[in-house]
C-alpha atoms as a PDB file:
ATOM      1  CA  MET A   1       0.476 -16.318   8.490  1.00  0.00           C
ATOM      2  CA  LYS A   2       0.851 -12.581   8.018  1.00  0.00           C
ATOM      3  CA  ILE A   3       1.291 -10.013  10.764  1.00  0.00           C
ATOM      4  CA  ASN A   4      -1.517  -7.427  10.850  1.00  0.00           C
ATOM      5  CA  ILE A   5      -0.204  -3.872  10.987  1.00  0.00           C
ATOM      6  CA  LYS A   6      -2.392  -0.812  11.441  1.00  0.00           C
ATOM      7  CA  ILE A   7      -1.107   1.930   9.156  1.00  0.00           C
ATOM      8  CA  GLN A   8      -2.648   4.635  11.328  1.00  0.00           C
ATOM      9  CA  GLU A   9      -0.512   3.571  14.304  1.00  0.00           C
ATOM     10  CA  LEU A  10       2.580   2.741  12.258  1.00  0.00           C
ATOM     11  CA  LEU A  11       2.816   6.156  10.611  1.00  0.00           C
ATOM     12  CA  GLN A  12       2.921   7.808  14.033  1.00  0.00           C
ATOM     13  CA  GLN A  13       6.215   6.005  14.717  1.00  0.00           C
ATOM     14  CA  PRO A  14       9.696   7.343  13.883  1.00  0.00           C
ATOM     15  CA  GLU A  15      11.324   6.381  10.596  1.00  0.00           C
ATOM     16  CA  ASN A  16      13.601   3.806  12.242  1.00  0.00           C
ATOM     17  CA  ALA A  17      10.487   1.914  13.426  1.00  0.00           C
ATOM     18  CA  ILE A  18       8.835   1.951   9.990  1.00  0.00           C
ATOM     19  CA  LEU A  19      11.798   0.613   8.010  1.00  0.00           C
ATOM     20  CA  PRO A  20      11.714  -2.917   9.515  1.00  0.00           C
ATOM     21  CA  ILE A  21       8.002  -3.105   8.631  1.00  0.00           C
ATOM     22  CA  SER A  22       8.887  -2.225   5.054  1.00  0.00           C
ATOM     23  CA  ASN A  23      11.174  -5.278   5.070  1.00  0.00           C
ATOM     24  CA  LEU A  24       8.290  -7.478   6.227  1.00  0.00           C
ATOM     25  CA  LEU A  25       6.079  -6.021   3.502  1.00  0.00           C
ATOM     26  CA  SER A  26       8.700  -6.750   0.855  1.00  0.00           C
ATOM     27  CA  GLN A  27       8.600 -10.402   1.913  1.00  0.00           C
ATOM     28  CA  LYS A  28       4.773 -10.397   1.986  1.00  0.00           C
ATOM     29  CA  LEU A  29       4.864 -11.294   5.676  1.00  0.00           C
ATOM     30  CA  ALA A  30       2.653  -8.412   6.811  1.00  0.00           C
ATOM     31  CA  LEU A  31      -0.867  -7.248   6.021  1.00  0.00           C
ATOM     32  CA  LEU A  32      -1.682  -3.545   6.221  1.00  0.00           C
ATOM     33  CA  ASP A  33      -4.890  -2.592   8.005  1.00  0.00           C
ATOM     34  CA  CYS A  34      -6.058   0.820   6.768  1.00  0.00           C
ATOM     35  CA  THR A  35      -8.806   1.337   9.352  1.00  0.00           C
ATOM     36  CA  GLY A  36      -9.125   5.049  10.108  1.00  0.00           C
ATOM     37  CA  VAL A  37      -6.795   6.096   7.273  1.00  0.00           C
ATOM     38  CA  ILE A  38      -8.332   8.451   4.738  1.00  0.00           C
ATOM     39  CA  ALA A  39      -5.076   9.377   2.989  1.00  0.00           C
ATOM     40  CA  VAL A  40      -1.327   9.535   3.630  1.00  0.00           C
ATOM     41  CA  THR A  41       1.377  11.726   2.199  1.00  0.00           C
ATOM     42  CA  PRO A  42       3.449  10.547  -0.784  1.00  0.00           C
ATOM     43  CA  GLU A  43       6.485  10.750   1.497  1.00  0.00           C
ATOM     44  CA  GLN A  44       4.833   8.354   3.960  1.00  0.00           C
ATOM     45  CA  LEU A  45       4.004   5.918   1.148  1.00  0.00           C
ATOM     46  CA  THR A  46       7.586   6.090  -0.087  1.00  0.00           C
ATOM     47  CA  LEU A  47       8.928   5.401   3.406  1.00  0.00           C
ATOM     48  CA  LEU A  48       6.458   2.567   3.988  1.00  0.00           C
ATOM     49  CA  PHE A  49       7.353   0.898   0.687  1.00  0.00           C
ATOM     50  CA  ILE A  50      11.046   1.777   0.512  1.00  0.00           C
ATOM     51  CA  ASN A  51      12.117  -1.877   0.704  1.00  0.00           C
ATOM     52  CA  ILE A  52       9.597  -3.404  -1.684  1.00  0.00           C
ATOM     53  CA  PRO A  53      10.852  -4.340  -5.154  1.00  0.00           C
ATOM     54  CA  GLN A  54      10.808  -1.382  -7.549  1.00  0.00           C
ATOM     55  CA  ASN A  55       8.806  -3.327 -10.146  1.00  0.00           C
ATOM     56  CA  TRP A  56       5.883  -4.220  -7.855  1.00  0.00           C
ATOM     57  CA  ASP A  57       2.594  -3.201  -9.430  1.00  0.00           C
ATOM     58  CA  ILE A  58      -0.868  -3.131  -7.901  1.00  0.00           C
ATOM     59  CA  GLN A  59      -1.175  -6.924  -8.106  1.00  0.00           C
ATOM     60  CA  GLU A  60       1.796  -7.453  -5.780  1.00  0.00           C
ATOM     61  CA  ILE A  61       0.981  -4.525  -3.517  1.00  0.00           C
ATOM     62  CA  ALA A  62      -2.626  -5.752  -3.191  1.00  0.00           C
ATOM     63  CA  GLU A  63      -1.249  -8.862  -1.464  1.00  0.00           C
ATOM     64  CA  ILE A  64      -0.056  -6.778   1.486  1.00  0.00           C
ATOM     65  CA  PHE A  65      -3.266  -4.784   2.037  1.00  0.00           C
ATOM     66  CA  ASP A  66      -6.472  -5.719   3.792  1.00  0.00           C
ATOM     67  CA  PHE A  67      -8.717  -4.153   1.168  1.00  0.00           C
ATOM     68  CA  SER A  68     -11.778  -4.538   3.359  1.00  0.00           C
ATOM     69  CA  THR A  69     -10.311  -1.668   5.434  1.00  0.00           C
ATOM     70  CA  ILE A  70      -9.236   0.737   2.662  1.00  0.00           C
ATOM     71  CA  THR A  71     -11.198   3.849   1.741  1.00  0.00           C
ATOM     72  CA  GLN A  72     -11.856   4.714  -1.865  1.00  0.00           C
ATOM     73  CA  THR A  73      -9.830   7.917  -1.424  1.00  0.00           C
ATOM     74  CA  PHE A  74      -6.794   6.028  -0.130  1.00  0.00           C
ATOM     75  CA  GLN A  75      -7.221   3.366  -2.822  1.00  0.00           C
ATOM     76  CA  TYR A  76      -7.116   6.070  -5.511  1.00  0.00           C
ATOM     77  CA  GLN A  77      -4.085   7.714  -3.886  1.00  0.00           C
ATOM     78  CA  LEU A  78      -2.288   4.377  -3.687  1.00  0.00           C
ATOM     79  CA  GLN A  79      -2.982   3.644  -7.362  1.00  0.00           C
ATOM     80  CA  GLU A  80      -1.672   7.064  -8.381  1.00  0.00           C
ATOM     81  CA  TRP A  81       1.455   6.607  -6.256  1.00  0.00           C
ATOM     82  CA  ILE A  82       2.121   3.201  -7.861  1.00  0.00           C
ATOM     83  CA  ASP A  83       1.585   4.620 -11.357  1.00  0.00           C
ATOM     84  CA  GLN A  84       3.993   7.477 -10.635  1.00  0.00           C
ATOM     85  CA  ARG A  85       6.565   5.098  -9.129  1.00  0.00           C
ATOM     86  CA  LEU A  86       6.401   2.927 -12.250  1.00  0.00           C
ATOM     87  CA  GLY A  87       6.590   5.952 -14.558  1.00  0.00           C
ATOM     88  CA  ARG A  88       3.089   5.550 -15.961  1.00  0.00           C
ATOM     89  CA  THR A  89       1.067   8.565 -16.978  1.00  0.00           C
ATOM     90  CA  ASN A  90      -2.156   6.639 -17.659  1.00  0.00           C
ATOM     91  CA  PRO A  91      -3.436   4.252 -14.983  1.00  0.00           C
ATOM     92  CA  GLN A  92      -3.262   0.614 -16.109  1.00  0.00           C
ATOM     93  CA  VAL A  93      -5.362  -1.134 -13.483  1.00  0.00           C
ATOM     94  CA  SER A  94      -7.601  -0.272 -10.589  1.00  0.00           C
ATOM     95  CA  VAL A  95      -8.517  -2.174  -7.481  1.00  0.00           C
ATOM     96  CA  ASN A  96     -12.136  -3.072  -6.868  1.00  0.00           C
ATOM     97  CA  ILE A  97     -12.274  -2.804  -3.095  1.00  0.00           C
ATOM     98  CA  SER A  98     -15.738  -4.262  -2.783  1.00  0.00           C
ATOM     99  CA  SER A  99     -14.517  -7.638  -3.998  1.00  0.00           C
ATOM    100  CA  SER A 100     -10.754  -7.190  -3.425  1.00  0.00           C
ATOM    101  CA  SER A 101     -10.140  -8.217  -7.011  1.00  0.00           C
ATOM    102  CA  LEU A 102      -8.229  -6.522  -9.771  1.00  0.00           C
ATOM    103  CA  THR A 103      -9.923  -5.133 -12.846  1.00  0.00           C
ATOM    104  CA  ASN A 104      -8.614  -3.493 -15.996  1.00  0.00           C
ATOM    105  CA  SER A 105      -9.652   0.104 -16.429  1.00  0.00           C
END
């Protein structure tokens, strides 16, 4: 069973409160609820995912998101952040939020 965490509320907390959640995410013990989140800063994404393995791609990160709550804008931002983190200049995959499945682009 995963713990549901609302990103909107979490990002209002100080850094020392976010870091333990990053640990839970790295163990796939939490599920991020994006309700009310249109976009976040790259710095917030970095802080939120600081403890996840460096090689995680969209497939692994998708396991810690409730994609029924993610906006298309935030989905695009997340994909770009992952691509940048992995050193890619051309996106490799995209997430189809309507079915929560992964598709090649």
